[in-house]
Every structure is written in C-alpha cells, then in structure tokens.
Amino acid sequence: MISDRKLSHLEICRDRNVGSRGKPTHLADVELIHCAMPELNIDDVKLSANLFGKSLRAPVLISAMTGGHPATKKVNENLAKAADELGLGICIGSQRAAIEDSRMEDSFRIVREVSDKLLVIGNIGAAQLLDDNAVNIAERSLAMVDADALAVHLNPLQELVQPEGDTRYKGILKNLKKIVKSLKKPVMVKETGCGISREVARSLASTSIAAIDISGVGGTSWAAVEHYNAQLRGDKFKSEVADTMWDWGIPTAMAVCEVASLGCGIPIIASGGINNGLDMAKCIALGASYVGVARPILLQAFESHIAVSSKLERMVHELIISTLLTGCKSVEELQRVPKVIGGDLLNWVNQRGLAVVKGA
C-alpha cells in the first residue's frame, strides 16, 4: 500500500497543479542591491561549498521527491546523474516503503550506484522515530544507499489530512536526540512544505542536528497532493479537509528569517518554491547556506538526466550572475550582502521581532 501511494504521490505532483494557491514564497519581498561596478569577473565568483563531508560545486541540493516503487527507479537515476554531473547533492524520498519491503530498496539504491562521490542524504519520517526499533530503522536507511547523512522529515499536516496517516507526534524530540547521539552519520531535519518557526528551530538546536531544511510554503503543497490522493481513493471527507488546509504554513522567505534570527550556527537549507537562481540568491542573502529544488525539475526527471542537468545548470548560472551583480564572489559574502525587505515579509519580521541580518 505504501509503495503504491508513493507512485500515486509522484504522479499527482507531475500531473496536477499542487502548488500554493494564494500564499507565495514572499521572496519577491526581498530586493538585493544592484552593484553597477562589481570589480569582479564572472570567473571570480566561486560558490563551492561543503556539506556532510562532500564538496559541492554550488550550494544546491535536489530535494527529496521519490522512491519506494519500481516505477520511480528511473526518475531517481536521472536525478542522481544530473546531480553528479553538476557537482550538486541529492536527498532521496522517504525510505519507509523500502524499510517495510526490501524489494523496494533498488529504487533508492540506484542513487548511490550512480557515483560514490555524490552527496546522498537518506530520509525517514518523524513517525518512524516513535518506533521501538527507530535506531535500527535509521541505520538501515543509511546503509541502504551508503548515505552521507540522514534527513528526518517533519510532515504533520500531510499525515493529518492523509487517509490512514500517522497522527502520533508526542515524543519525537526526545527520540530525535537519541537518534542523533546513536548514529555515526550527521542527522538533519527537514519540513515538507509548511516551514519551520523560530520556536521549533530552537528546540531542534538542542538535539545537535547538523542542518535544518526549512521547506516553506510557496512550492508543492502536500495538503494539495493528499486532496487529490483522497479523491482517487473516494475519501470525500479527507479530500475536503485537505482542500481547506491547502496553503497552511510559513512561507519560505519568512521561514528562513525565522531560523536565521536564532543565530544558532546550524546551517539552513532553504527550499519550497525555489524556481530559479535569483530565488536561491535571495534565500542565501536572508541567511540560508544551501538551497533545495524539487518539483521544478520533476518533469525533466521523467524525461532524462540531460533535461534535469540543463534546468539545474541554468539555475546555478543565474545564482552566479545574481551573486556577481551584488558585488559578491562567495556564499559567505552573499549572506552578508545589503538588501531591502518590504511587503508582507517586513510586516512578518517586525511582528515576530526577528533579527534579520541587514548586511554591510
């Protein structure tokens, strides 16, 4: 059942409009200050980064999308080949289906088979942390793909509106601490399209996790995905509830500011509606260290790894251009660049009392 649901989710994301309906990322509320005389050549811009012991050509990850069904193997292969060619990283989809049915492991393992140099991040759900064998599940997930790190995804909204979704969350923080302490590989935490608040980030910081992926509103809505999933299953009640909650959560720009304002030193990965290199630059200027891209390359992933590479290469080039046009030559400089925020983002920052780094 889980395997079939994974394929259904992927097909819904491919074929339906599951983006935010009325709540954008609010990255449009961020203006980077144009530098008309950058005193730089484009070759001077070096955006190389390091994450979980692996070098990246640019601070860009392919965010978690799929796996767990035989039909998803080729999609993951295309994503991994593109990431490897461009020197980027990849976080695979939830491995729960393969943990429960070893026949599904191949759909994930293909990612590591592409390259032993590729940054690969494994993925389990927060609900699995409540299992008595949580440490074993985490270790199996890492071993399955020889992962460099493990992501624990938080998706309470999706589970609450999903037919037969998990509704137990008590004890997750305690067990997350146990997992972080027990594993020999780094552990990061990621949301799934609803954003992470300052309060949650503060709690996560107490667990010694290695990174936070804020995954804000503005990209794929998993309530929307479950709305269509429930329709396919004839569950009118859950379909209507999911429709109500379609745009629930914290927009991407706000979520980056929420976590960055803590100054806790945990690297921030910004994802959720990242559609181009300028979006990436704005997220980094707000305090992120890395950015993640998912649905904008999903159609290409069904086509070929060349199509994925082409789309991602364009986005990375746009990030390089945006960096140069602010007079910067590195991620670290871009994080401190002067910027102006306005609109609803400014209102959010003021009402929440967030300390946004304003740059030089």
Protein backbone atom coordinates (compact mmCIF):
# COMPACT_ATOMS: atom_id res chain seq x y z
CA MET A 1 0.00 0.00 0.00
CA ILE A 2 2.82 2.42 0.91
CA SER A 3 4.63 1.65 -2.36
CA ASP A 4 1.51 2.33 -4.41
CA ARG A 5 0.94 5.56 -2.51
CA LYS A 6 4.48 6.71 -3.30
CA LEU A 7 3.84 6.27 -7.00
CA SER A 8 0.46 7.99 -6.72
CA HIS A 9 2.07 10.96 -4.95
CA LEU A 10 4.69 11.29 -7.68
CA GLU A 11 2.15 11.12 -10.48
CA ILE A 12 -0.07 13.69 -8.76
CA CYS A 13 2.90 16.07 -8.42
CA ARG A 14 3.71 15.53 -12.08
CA ASP A 15 0.19 15.83 -13.49
CA ARG A 16 -1.73 18.16 -11.16
CA ASN A 17 -1.36 21.74 -10.01
CA VAL A 18 -0.29 21.14 -6.42
CA GLY A 19 1.47 24.44 -5.83
CA SER A 20 0.41 27.04 -3.32
CA ARG A 21 -2.85 28.69 -4.40
CA GLY A 22 -2.77 32.03 -2.61
CA LYS A 23 0.36 32.13 -0.46
CA PRO A 24 3.67 32.79 -2.27
CA THR A 25 7.21 32.29 -1.03
CA HIS A 26 7.44 36.07 -0.43
CA LEU A 27 10.92 36.08 -1.91
CA ALA A 28 9.50 38.85 -4.11
CA ASP A 29 9.55 40.98 -0.94
CA VAL A 30 13.36 40.81 -0.96
CA GLU A 31 15.38 43.26 -3.06
CA LEU A 32 19.11 42.74 -3.48
CA ILE A 33 21.07 45.95 -4.02
CA HIS A 34 22.45 46.13 -7.54
CA CYS A 35 26.19 46.77 -7.79
CA ALA A 36 26.82 48.58 -11.09
CA MET A 37 30.59 48.37 -10.63
CA PRO A 38 31.32 44.96 -9.08
CA GLU A 39 35.09 44.94 -9.82
CA LEU A 40 34.77 41.20 -10.46
CA ASN A 41 34.95 38.86 -13.40
CA ILE A 42 32.42 36.07 -13.56
CA ASP A 43 35.21 33.54 -13.09
CA ASP A 44 35.96 35.21 -9.75
CA VAL A 45 32.63 34.01 -8.36
CA LYS A 46 33.25 30.74 -6.52
CA LEU A 47 30.16 29.20 -4.96
CA SER A 48 31.73 25.89 -3.96
CA ALA A 49 30.51 24.53 -0.66
CA ASN A 50 30.95 21.55 1.64
CA LEU A 51 28.14 19.64 3.28
CA PHE A 52 28.38 16.46 5.35
CA GLY A 53 31.95 15.88 4.21
CA LYS A 54 31.24 16.16 0.49
CA SER A 55 32.31 19.02 -1.78
CA LEU A 56 29.67 20.75 -3.88
CA ARG A 57 30.21 22.93 -6.94
CA ALA A 58 27.38 25.16 -5.71
CA PRO A 59 25.28 25.15 -2.52
CA VAL A 60 22.39 23.40 -4.26
CA LEU A 61 20.60 20.16 -3.42
CA ILE A 62 17.96 18.18 -5.23
CA SER A 63 15.32 17.94 -2.52
CA ALA A 64 13.51 14.76 -1.55
CA MET A 65 10.98 13.63 -4.12
CA THR A 66 10.61 9.94 -4.73
CA GLY A 67 11.48 6.27 -4.35
CA GLY A 68 9.74 3.22 -2.95
CA HIS A 69 8.13 1.89 -6.13
CA PRO A 70 9.77 0.15 -9.12
CA ALA A 71 8.47 2.85 -11.46
CA THR A 72 10.40 5.53 -9.53
CA LYS A 73 13.83 3.98 -10.07
CA LYS A 74 14.47 5.70 -13.40
CA VAL A 75 13.38 9.06 -12.01
CA ASN A 76 15.87 8.76 -9.15
CA GLU A 77 18.57 7.62 -11.57
CA ASN A 78 18.05 10.70 -13.74
CA LEU A 79 18.13 12.99 -10.71
CA ALA A 80 21.30 11.38 -9.36
CA LYS A 81 23.10 11.51 -12.72
CA ALA A 82 22.29 15.20 -13.07
CA ALA A 83 23.45 15.95 -9.53
CA ASP A 84 26.67 14.03 -10.12
CA GLU A 85 27.40 15.79 -13.43
CA LEU A 86 26.90 19.22 -11.89
CA GLY A 87 28.60 18.52 -8.57
CA LEU A 88 25.44 19.01 -6.51
CA GLY A 89 23.81 16.90 -3.78
CA ILE A 90 20.61 14.88 -3.53
CA CYS A 91 18.21 13.95 -0.75
CA ILE A 92 16.17 10.87 -1.62
CA GLY A 93 12.48 10.44 -0.85
CA SER A 94 11.12 8.76 2.26
CA GLN A 95 12.59 5.26 2.59
CA ARG A 96 9.73 3.87 4.66
CA ALA A 97 8.40 1.74 1.78
CA ALA A 98 11.79 0.05 1.39
CA ILE A 99 12.19 -0.44 5.14
CA GLU A 100 8.90 -2.34 5.16
CA ASP A 101 9.51 -4.16 1.85
CA SER A 102 13.11 -4.82 0.85
CA ARG A 103 12.06 -5.31 -2.77
CA MET A 104 11.72 -1.52 -2.98
CA GLU A 105 15.34 -0.84 -1.97
CA ASP A 106 16.53 -0.85 -5.57
CA SER A 107 14.52 2.31 -6.35
CA PHE A 108 16.67 4.14 -3.79
CA ARG A 109 19.97 2.28 -4.14
CA ILE A 110 20.27 3.40 -7.76
CA VAL A 111 21.17 6.88 -6.50
CA ARG A 112 24.36 5.67 -4.85
CA GLU A 113 25.14 3.33 -7.73
CA VAL A 114 25.46 6.39 -9.96
CA SER A 115 28.50 7.61 -8.05
CA ASP A 116 30.32 7.02 -4.78
CA LYS A 117 31.38 10.69 -4.82
CA LEU A 118 27.82 12.04 -4.90
CA LEU A 119 26.44 13.63 -1.72
CA VAL A 120 23.48 11.39 -0.83
CA ILE A 121 21.14 12.12 2.06
CA GLY A 122 18.86 9.35 3.32
CA ASN A 123 15.33 10.06 4.52
CA ILE A 124 12.95 8.76 7.16
CA GLY A 125 9.81 10.28 8.65
CA ALA A 126 9.44 11.66 12.16
CA ALA A 127 6.79 8.99 12.76
CA GLN A 128 9.47 6.32 12.41
CA LEU A 129 11.29 7.87 15.38
CA LEU A 130 8.46 6.61 17.60
CA ASP A 131 9.07 3.02 16.56
CA ASP A 132 10.76 0.81 19.16
CA ASN A 133 13.37 -0.02 16.51
CA ALA A 134 13.95 3.60 15.48
CA VAL A 135 17.74 3.42 15.68
CA ASN A 136 17.76 0.26 13.59
CA ILE A 137 15.44 1.86 11.02
CA ALA A 138 17.75 4.87 10.79
CA GLU A 139 20.84 2.69 10.41
CA ARG A 140 19.16 0.57 7.72
CA SER A 141 18.16 3.70 5.84
CA LEU A 142 21.73 4.96 5.85
CA ALA A 143 23.18 1.61 4.85
CA MET A 144 20.67 1.12 2.04
CA VAL A 145 22.22 3.93 -0.01
CA ASP A 146 25.54 4.35 1.78
CA ALA A 147 24.22 7.80 2.70
CA ASP A 148 26.46 10.62 3.89
CA ALA A 149 23.74 11.88 6.23
CA LEU A 150 20.16 11.18 7.26
CA ALA A 151 17.22 13.56 6.93
CA VAL A 152 14.29 13.21 9.31
CA HIS A 153 11.27 14.79 7.67
CA LEU A 154 8.51 16.54 9.58
CA ASN A 155 5.14 16.33 7.86
CA PRO A 156 2.34 16.58 10.43
CA LEU A 157 -0.03 18.40 8.08
CA GLN A 158 0.34 15.77 5.37
CA GLU A 159 -0.19 12.93 7.82
CA LEU A 160 -3.24 14.59 9.38
CA VAL A 161 -5.03 15.01 6.05
CA GLN A 162 -3.84 11.73 4.51
CA PRO A 163 -6.15 8.72 4.55
CA GLU A 164 -4.70 6.44 7.26
CA GLY A 165 -1.95 8.95 8.05
CA ASP A 166 0.10 8.87 11.26
CA THR A 167 -1.30 11.10 13.99
CA ARG A 168 1.21 10.42 16.80
CA TYR A 169 3.82 13.11 17.41
CA LYS A 170 4.44 13.03 21.16
CA GLY A 171 8.00 12.05 21.96
CA ILE A 172 9.58 12.94 18.60
CA LEU A 173 12.03 15.48 20.04
CA LYS A 174 13.23 13.06 22.71
CA ASN A 175 13.74 10.28 20.19
CA LEU A 176 15.42 12.64 17.72
CA LYS A 177 18.05 13.35 20.35
CA LYS A 178 18.54 9.61 20.74
CA ILE A 179 18.96 9.11 17.00
CA VAL A 180 21.46 11.96 16.69
CA LYS A 181 23.51 10.52 19.54
CA SER A 182 23.35 6.94 18.27
CA LEU A 183 24.20 7.38 14.58
CA LYS A 184 27.72 7.75 13.25
CA LYS A 185 26.49 9.96 10.37
CA PRO A 186 25.10 13.52 10.60
CA VAL A 187 21.35 13.98 11.04
CA MET A 188 19.38 16.88 9.59
CA VAL A 189 15.72 17.79 9.94
CA LYS A 190 13.50 18.97 7.11
CA GLU A 191 9.94 20.15 6.83
CA THR A 192 7.85 19.18 3.81
CA GLY A 193 6.39 22.45 2.59
CA CYS A 194 4.95 24.09 5.71
CA GLY A 195 8.04 25.86 7.05
CA ILE A 196 9.87 25.85 10.38
CA SER A 197 9.36 28.50 13.04
CA ARG A 198 11.89 30.08 15.36
CA GLU A 199 10.40 28.15 18.29
CA VAL A 200 10.71 24.77 16.59
CA ALA A 201 14.21 25.63 15.38
CA ARG A 202 15.22 26.45 18.95
CA SER A 203 14.00 23.02 20.09
CA LEU A 204 15.81 21.34 17.21
CA ALA A 205 19.03 23.16 18.08
CA SER A 206 19.02 21.35 21.43
CA THR A 207 19.40 18.00 19.66
CA SER A 208 22.76 18.74 17.99
CA ILE A 209 21.38 18.16 14.48
CA ALA A 210 23.67 19.08 11.59
CA ALA A 211 21.29 21.16 9.43
CA ILE A 212 17.71 22.41 9.11
CA ASP A 213 15.79 22.44 5.83
CA ILE A 214 13.00 24.97 6.39
CA SER A 215 10.94 23.85 3.34
CA GLY A 216 8.43 26.70 3.39
CA VAL A 217 5.11 27.43 1.77
CA GLY A 218 5.17 28.58 -1.83
CA GLY A 219 6.12 25.39 -3.60
CA THR A 220 4.44 22.00 -3.50
CA SER A 221 1.58 21.73 -1.03
CA TRP A 222 1.35 18.22 0.37
CA ALA A 223 -2.14 19.02 1.56
CA ALA A 224 -2.95 19.56 -2.13
CA VAL A 225 -1.32 16.25 -3.03
CA GLU A 226 -3.37 14.48 -0.36
CA HIS A 227 -6.51 16.29 -1.54
CA TYR A 228 -6.14 14.60 -4.92
CA ASN A 229 -4.96 11.35 -3.33
CA ALA A 230 -8.11 11.23 -1.19
CA GLN A 231 -10.24 11.94 -4.25
CA LEU A 232 -8.68 8.99 -6.04
CA ARG A 233 -9.50 6.80 -3.05
CA GLY A 234 -13.05 8.06 -2.77
CA ASP A 235 -12.46 9.66 0.64
CA LYS A 236 -14.59 12.80 0.35
CA PHE A 237 -14.09 13.79 4.00
CA LYS A 238 -10.27 13.79 3.87
CA SER A 239 -10.31 15.42 0.43
CA GLU A 240 -12.31 18.37 1.73
CA VAL A 241 -10.17 18.72 4.87
CA ALA A 242 -7.00 18.72 2.76
CA ASP A 243 -8.50 21.34 0.46
CA THR A 244 -9.15 23.61 3.47
CA MET A 245 -5.53 23.24 4.64
CA TRP A 246 -4.01 23.65 1.14
CA ASP A 247 -1.97 26.81 1.95
CA TRP A 248 -1.26 26.15 5.62
CA GLY A 249 2.19 27.07 6.89
CA ILE A 250 5.03 29.57 6.92
CA PRO A 251 6.18 30.99 3.55
CA THR A 252 9.75 30.21 2.53
CA ALA A 253 11.19 33.72 2.99
CA MET A 254 9.60 34.01 6.43
CA ALA A 255 10.85 30.57 7.48
CA VAL A 256 14.45 31.39 6.51
CA CYS A 257 14.22 34.59 8.59
CA GLU A 258 12.65 32.68 11.50
CA VAL A 259 15.52 30.20 11.75
CA ALA A 260 18.31 32.60 10.78
CA SER A 261 17.25 35.03 13.51
CA LEU A 262 18.25 32.50 16.16
CA GLY A 263 21.92 32.70 15.19
CA CYS A 264 22.37 29.17 16.50
CA GLY A 265 25.01 28.27 13.93
CA ILE A 266 23.07 25.38 12.39
CA PRO A 267 23.29 25.53 8.58
CA ILE A 268 20.00 26.41 6.92
CA ILE A 269 18.80 24.76 3.74
CA ALA A 270 16.11 26.85 2.02
CA SER A 271 13.53 25.01 -0.06
CA GLY A 272 9.92 25.44 -1.03
CA GLY A 273 9.11 27.20 -4.30
CA ILE A 274 12.71 27.80 -5.39
CA ASN A 275 12.22 28.27 -9.11
CA ASN A 276 15.40 29.99 -10.31
CA GLY A 277 18.84 31.22 -9.36
CA LEU A 278 17.57 34.59 -8.19
CA ASP A 279 15.31 32.84 -5.67
CA MET A 280 18.41 30.97 -4.50
CA ALA A 281 20.41 34.18 -4.10
CA LYS A 282 17.64 35.82 -2.07
CA CYS A 283 17.41 32.84 0.28
CA ILE A 284 21.16 32.95 0.87
CA ALA A 285 21.01 36.71 1.43
CA LEU A 286 18.37 36.10 4.12
CA GLY A 287 20.67 33.66 5.92
CA ALA A 288 20.49 30.26 4.23
CA SER A 289 23.69 28.37 3.44
CA TYR A 290 22.20 25.99 0.89
CA VAL A 291 19.07 25.76 -1.27
CA GLY A 292 16.94 22.84 -2.37
CA VAL A 293 14.99 22.31 -5.58
CA ALA A 294 12.32 19.67 -6.19
CA ARG A 295 9.18 19.99 -8.31
CA PRO A 296 10.64 22.49 -10.84
CA ILE A 297 12.80 19.61 -12.14
CA LEU A 298 10.29 16.78 -11.74
CA LEU A 299 9.00 16.84 -15.32
CA GLN A 300 12.58 16.79 -16.58
CA ALA A 301 13.33 13.81 -14.30
CA PHE A 302 10.72 11.78 -16.15
CA GLU A 303 12.40 12.74 -19.42
CA SER A 304 16.15 12.30 -18.97
CA HIS A 305 19.10 13.21 -16.80
CA ILE A 306 20.23 15.59 -19.54
CA ALA A 307 16.98 17.54 -19.20
CA VAL A 308 17.45 17.74 -15.43
CA SER A 309 21.07 18.85 -15.83
CA SER A 310 20.10 21.55 -18.29
CA LYS A 311 17.47 23.02 -15.96
CA LEU A 312 19.71 22.91 -12.91
CA GLU A 313 22.72 24.31 -14.77
CA ARG A 314 20.65 27.31 -15.80
CA MET A 315 19.56 27.89 -12.21
CA VAL A 316 23.14 27.67 -10.91
CA HIS A 317 24.28 30.11 -13.59
CA GLU A 318 21.53 32.52 -12.53
CA LEU A 319 22.78 32.20 -8.96
CA ILE A 320 26.32 33.06 -10.11
CA ILE A 321 25.07 36.11 -12.02
CA SER A 322 22.97 37.28 -9.07
CA THR A 323 25.98 36.93 -6.79
CA LEU A 324 28.22 38.94 -9.09
CA LEU A 325 25.59 41.66 -9.52
CA THR A 326 25.61 42.23 -5.76
CA GLY A 327 29.39 42.63 -5.83
CA CYS A 328 29.96 39.29 -4.10
CA LYS A 329 32.16 36.36 -5.01
CA SER A 330 31.19 33.71 -2.45
CA VAL A 331 28.26 32.30 -0.48
CA GLU A 332 29.66 33.84 2.70
CA GLU A 333 29.72 37.32 1.15
CA LEU A 334 26.22 36.88 -0.29
CA GLN A 335 24.91 36.01 3.18
CA ARG A 336 26.03 39.47 4.36
CA VAL A 337 25.00 41.45 1.29
CA PRO A 338 22.92 44.65 1.69
CA LYS A 339 19.25 44.06 0.98
CA VAL A 340 15.87 45.68 1.40
CA ILE A 341 12.81 43.77 2.54
CA GLY A 342 9.27 45.03 2.23
CA GLY A 343 5.66 43.96 1.92
CA ASP A 344 4.33 41.10 3.99
CA LEU A 345 7.83 39.86 4.78
CA LEU A 346 8.72 43.12 6.51
CA ASN A 347 5.43 43.01 8.39
CA TRP A 348 6.15 39.43 9.50
CA VAL A 349 9.70 40.25 10.59
CA ASN A 350 8.51 43.23 12.62
CA GLN A 351 5.60 41.46 14.29
CA ARG A 352 7.72 38.42 15.14
CA GLY A 353 10.65 40.54 16.35
CA LEU A 354 13.12 38.75 14.11
CA ALA A 355 16.72 39.92 13.94
CA VAL A 356 17.30 39.94 10.19
CA VAL A 357 20.92 40.40 9.17
CA LYS A 358 20.98 43.62 7.14
CA GLY A 359 24.43 43.30 5.62
CA ALA A 360 27.21 45.86 5.31
